[in-house]
Structure formats: structure tokens, C-alpha cells
Amino acid sequence: MLKQYLCGWIHVPLTDNHKKPTRTFMIQIAVLANHHNGRDTHMRQIKIYTPVEESSIGKFPRCTTIDFMMYRSIR
């Protein structure tokens, strides 16, 4: 992703050839060169969005007995 002058938000899609999201533990971003006659390059904010997945919280069974209901919340 080389451009003469980068300014503003840059969108980098992290998908494979089949348009599926890349599964990763770490993303490394490297600034290979400064711009504007050698002045420092600053990254002020990086946002990474992931696809929405169903949470596992809704998969737990409901607490119906008195013994379970006594411990279902934290005080």
C-alpha cells in the first residue's frame, strides 16, 4: 500500500481469496518510510473491526432451581 502522500483513514481489508476474514493473533504495522521531506510519521489511532459472531452466553441453559438462582449473580 504505497502512496505518494497518505492522509486520513486508510482501509486495509484483511480477507483471503474467498473473502473470508483472516484469523490472526497479532497484526504488525510497519512504517517503511517517512513522508514530507523526512518529518516523522505518526499513527494517532488504529481501529480494527472484526466480524460479528454469535456469543456463547445465550447457549447456556437457564437457571431454574433455587440452588442455581442463589448463585446466578455477583453482589
N, C-alpha and C. Protein backbone atom coordinates (compact mmCIF):
# COMPACT_ATOMS: atom_id res chain seq x y z
N MET A 1 0.85 -1.16 0.00
CA MET A 1 0.00 0.00 0.00
C MET A 1 0.90 1.23 0.00
N LEU A 2 1.50 1.53 -1.11
CA LEU A 2 2.39 2.69 -1.23
C LEU A 2 1.66 3.80 -1.96
N LYS A 3 1.65 4.96 -1.36
CA LYS A 3 1.05 6.15 -1.98
C LYS A 3 2.01 7.31 -1.79
N GLN A 4 1.89 8.32 -2.61
CA GLN A 4 2.77 9.47 -2.51
C GLN A 4 2.57 10.19 -1.18
N TYR A 5 1.35 10.56 -0.86
CA TYR A 5 1.04 11.22 0.41
C TYR A 5 -0.18 10.56 1.00
N LEU A 6 -0.05 10.02 2.20
CA LEU A 6 -1.18 9.41 2.89
C LEU A 6 -1.70 10.39 3.93
N CYS A 7 -2.98 10.58 3.94
CA CYS A 7 -3.59 11.49 4.89
C CYS A 7 -4.99 10.99 5.19
N GLY A 8 -5.33 10.89 6.45
CA GLY A 8 -6.66 10.44 6.82
C GLY A 8 -6.68 8.94 7.06
N TRP A 9 -7.87 8.36 6.96
CA TRP A 9 -8.04 6.94 7.23
C TRP A 9 -7.68 6.12 6.00
N ILE A 10 -6.96 5.04 6.22
CA ILE A 10 -6.61 4.10 5.17
C ILE A 10 -7.28 2.78 5.52
N HIS A 11 -8.07 2.23 4.60
CA HIS A 11 -8.76 0.97 4.82
C HIS A 11 -7.94 -0.16 4.21
N VAL A 12 -7.61 -1.14 5.04
CA VAL A 12 -6.85 -2.30 4.59
C VAL A 12 -7.70 -3.53 4.85
N PRO A 13 -8.28 -4.14 3.81
CA PRO A 13 -9.10 -5.34 4.03
C PRO A 13 -8.22 -6.53 4.41
N LEU A 14 -8.59 -7.23 5.45
CA LEU A 14 -7.85 -8.41 5.90
C LEU A 14 -8.67 -9.66 5.60
N THR A 15 -8.77 -9.99 4.32
CA THR A 15 -9.53 -11.16 3.89
C THR A 15 -8.65 -12.02 2.99
N ASP A 16 -9.06 -13.29 2.84
CA ASP A 16 -8.33 -14.17 1.95
C ASP A 16 -8.93 -14.11 0.55
N ASN A 17 -8.54 -15.02 -0.32
CA ASN A 17 -9.02 -15.01 -1.71
C ASN A 17 -10.51 -15.30 -1.82
N HIS A 18 -11.09 -15.94 -0.82
CA HIS A 18 -12.52 -16.28 -0.83
C HIS A 18 -13.35 -15.28 -0.04
N LYS A 19 -12.79 -14.11 0.27
CA LYS A 19 -13.46 -13.03 1.01
C LYS A 19 -13.80 -13.43 2.45
N LYS A 20 -13.10 -14.42 3.00
CA LYS A 20 -13.28 -14.78 4.40
C LYS A 20 -12.30 -13.98 5.25
N PRO A 21 -12.68 -13.58 6.46
CA PRO A 21 -11.78 -12.79 7.31
C PRO A 21 -10.53 -13.59 7.69
N THR A 22 -9.43 -12.88 7.80
CA THR A 22 -8.18 -13.50 8.22
C THR A 22 -8.23 -13.75 9.72
N ARG A 23 -7.91 -14.96 10.13
CA ARG A 23 -7.86 -15.28 11.56
C ARG A 23 -6.42 -15.13 12.01
N THR A 24 -6.21 -14.26 12.99
CA THR A 24 -4.85 -13.99 13.43
C THR A 24 -4.83 -13.64 14.91
N PHE A 25 -3.68 -13.76 15.51
CA PHE A 25 -3.49 -13.39 16.91
C PHE A 25 -2.85 -12.01 17.01
N MET A 26 -2.04 -11.63 16.02
CA MET A 26 -1.32 -10.37 16.07
C MET A 26 -1.26 -9.75 14.68
N ILE A 27 -1.38 -8.44 14.61
CA ILE A 27 -1.22 -7.69 13.37
C ILE A 27 -0.07 -6.72 13.59
N GLN A 28 0.91 -6.77 12.70
CA GLN A 28 2.08 -5.89 12.80
C GLN A 28 2.00 -4.86 11.69
N ILE A 29 2.11 -3.58 12.06
CA ILE A 29 2.07 -2.48 11.10
C ILE A 29 3.45 -1.84 11.07
N ALA A 30 4.03 -1.74 9.89
CA ALA A 30 5.37 -1.17 9.76
C ALA A 30 5.32 0.08 8.90
N VAL A 31 5.93 1.16 9.37
CA VAL A 31 6.09 2.38 8.58
C VAL A 31 7.46 2.28 7.93
N LEU A 32 7.48 2.10 6.62
CA LEU A 32 8.73 1.85 5.90
C LEU A 32 9.47 3.11 5.51
N ALA A 33 8.78 4.23 5.45
CA ALA A 33 9.45 5.48 5.07
C ALA A 33 8.67 6.66 5.63
N ASN A 34 9.37 7.72 5.97
CA ASN A 34 8.74 8.97 6.38
C ASN A 34 8.31 9.74 5.14
N HIS A 35 7.39 10.65 5.32
CA HIS A 35 6.97 11.48 4.19
C HIS A 35 7.16 12.95 4.55
N HIS A 36 6.87 13.84 3.65
CA HIS A 36 7.04 15.29 3.83
C HIS A 36 8.49 15.64 4.18
N ASN A 37 9.41 15.27 3.32
CA ASN A 37 10.83 15.62 3.45
C ASN A 37 11.47 15.11 4.74
N GLY A 38 11.12 13.90 5.15
CA GLY A 38 11.78 13.28 6.29
C GLY A 38 11.20 13.57 7.65
N ARG A 39 10.11 14.31 7.72
CA ARG A 39 9.48 14.53 9.03
C ARG A 39 8.89 13.22 9.53
N ASP A 40 8.79 13.11 10.83
CA ASP A 40 8.32 11.86 11.42
C ASP A 40 6.89 11.55 11.03
N THR A 41 6.62 10.28 10.89
CA THR A 41 5.28 9.79 10.61
C THR A 41 4.64 9.39 11.94
N HIS A 42 3.40 9.80 12.16
CA HIS A 42 2.70 9.49 13.40
C HIS A 42 1.43 8.72 13.08
N MET A 43 1.19 7.66 13.84
CA MET A 43 -0.09 6.96 13.80
C MET A 43 -0.80 7.32 15.08
N ARG A 44 -1.83 8.10 14.98
CA ARG A 44 -2.52 8.57 16.18
C ARG A 44 -3.60 7.61 16.64
N GLN A 45 -4.14 6.84 15.73
CA GLN A 45 -5.20 5.91 16.12
C GLN A 45 -5.26 4.78 15.11
N ILE A 46 -5.44 3.58 15.61
CA ILE A 46 -5.61 2.40 14.76
C ILE A 46 -6.88 1.71 15.21
N LYS A 47 -7.78 1.45 14.28
CA LYS A 47 -9.03 0.74 14.59
C LYS A 47 -9.04 -0.56 13.82
N ILE A 48 -9.39 -1.64 14.50
CA ILE A 48 -9.50 -2.94 13.87
C ILE A 48 -10.89 -3.46 14.19
N TYR A 49 -11.66 -3.74 13.16
CA TYR A 49 -13.02 -4.25 13.32
C TYR A 49 -13.04 -5.73 12.94
N THR A 50 -13.81 -6.51 13.68
CA THR A 50 -13.95 -7.93 13.40
C THR A 50 -15.39 -8.23 13.03
N PRO A 51 -15.62 -9.33 12.33
CA PRO A 51 -16.99 -9.70 12.01
C PRO A 51 -17.77 -10.04 13.28
N VAL A 52 -19.06 -9.82 13.24
CA VAL A 52 -19.92 -10.11 14.38
C VAL A 52 -20.14 -11.62 14.44
N GLU A 53 -19.90 -12.19 15.60
CA GLU A 53 -20.13 -13.61 15.81
C GLU A 53 -21.11 -13.79 16.94
N GLU A 54 -21.84 -14.88 16.89
CA GLU A 54 -22.80 -15.18 17.95
C GLU A 54 -22.04 -15.47 19.24
N SER A 55 -22.45 -14.86 20.33
CA SER A 55 -21.76 -15.08 21.60
C SER A 55 -22.22 -16.40 22.22
N SER A 56 -21.39 -16.94 23.06
CA SER A 56 -21.72 -18.22 23.70
C SER A 56 -22.58 -18.04 24.94
N ILE A 57 -22.85 -16.80 25.35
CA ILE A 57 -23.64 -16.56 26.56
C ILE A 57 -25.06 -17.08 26.40
N GLY A 58 -25.64 -16.92 25.23
CA GLY A 58 -27.00 -17.38 25.00
C GLY A 58 -27.13 -18.88 24.92
N LYS A 59 -26.03 -19.61 24.86
CA LYS A 59 -26.08 -21.07 24.73
C LYS A 59 -26.17 -21.79 26.08
N PHE A 60 -25.99 -21.06 27.18
CA PHE A 60 -26.07 -21.68 28.49
C PHE A 60 -27.53 -21.95 28.86
N PRO A 61 -27.79 -23.04 29.57
CA PRO A 61 -29.18 -23.30 29.99
C PRO A 61 -29.62 -22.30 31.05
N ARG A 62 -30.92 -22.10 31.15
CA ARG A 62 -31.47 -21.16 32.13
C ARG A 62 -31.40 -21.75 33.53
N CYS A 63 -31.22 -20.89 34.53
CA CYS A 63 -31.21 -21.31 35.93
C CYS A 63 -32.65 -21.39 36.41
N THR A 64 -33.10 -22.58 36.77
CA THR A 64 -34.50 -22.74 37.16
C THR A 64 -34.66 -23.19 38.60
N THR A 65 -33.66 -23.83 39.19
CA THR A 65 -33.81 -24.29 40.56
C THR A 65 -33.38 -23.20 41.54
N ILE A 66 -33.81 -23.33 42.77
CA ILE A 66 -33.48 -22.35 43.80
C ILE A 66 -31.97 -22.35 44.07
N ASP A 67 -31.35 -23.52 44.04
CA ASP A 67 -29.90 -23.60 44.28
C ASP A 67 -29.13 -22.82 43.23
N PHE A 68 -29.52 -22.91 41.98
CA PHE A 68 -28.85 -22.15 40.92
C PHE A 68 -29.14 -20.66 41.03
N MET A 69 -30.36 -20.30 41.35
CA MET A 69 -30.74 -18.89 41.43
C MET A 69 -30.01 -18.16 42.55
N MET A 70 -29.60 -18.87 43.60
CA MET A 70 -28.88 -18.24 44.70
C MET A 70 -27.51 -17.72 44.24
N TYR A 71 -26.91 -18.35 43.25
CA TYR A 71 -25.55 -18.01 42.83
C TYR A 71 -25.48 -17.47 41.40
N ARG A 72 -26.59 -17.03 40.83
CA ARG A 72 -26.56 -16.61 39.43
C ARG A 72 -26.08 -15.17 39.23
N SER A 73 -25.96 -14.39 40.29
CA SER A 73 -25.47 -13.02 40.15
C SER A 73 -24.35 -12.76 41.16
N ILE A 74 -23.54 -11.76 40.85
CA ILE A 74 -22.44 -11.38 41.72
C ILE A 74 -22.83 -10.10 42.43
N ARG A 75 -22.67 -10.07 43.74
CA ARG A 75 -23.01 -8.87 44.50
C ARG A 75 -21.82 -7.99 44.66
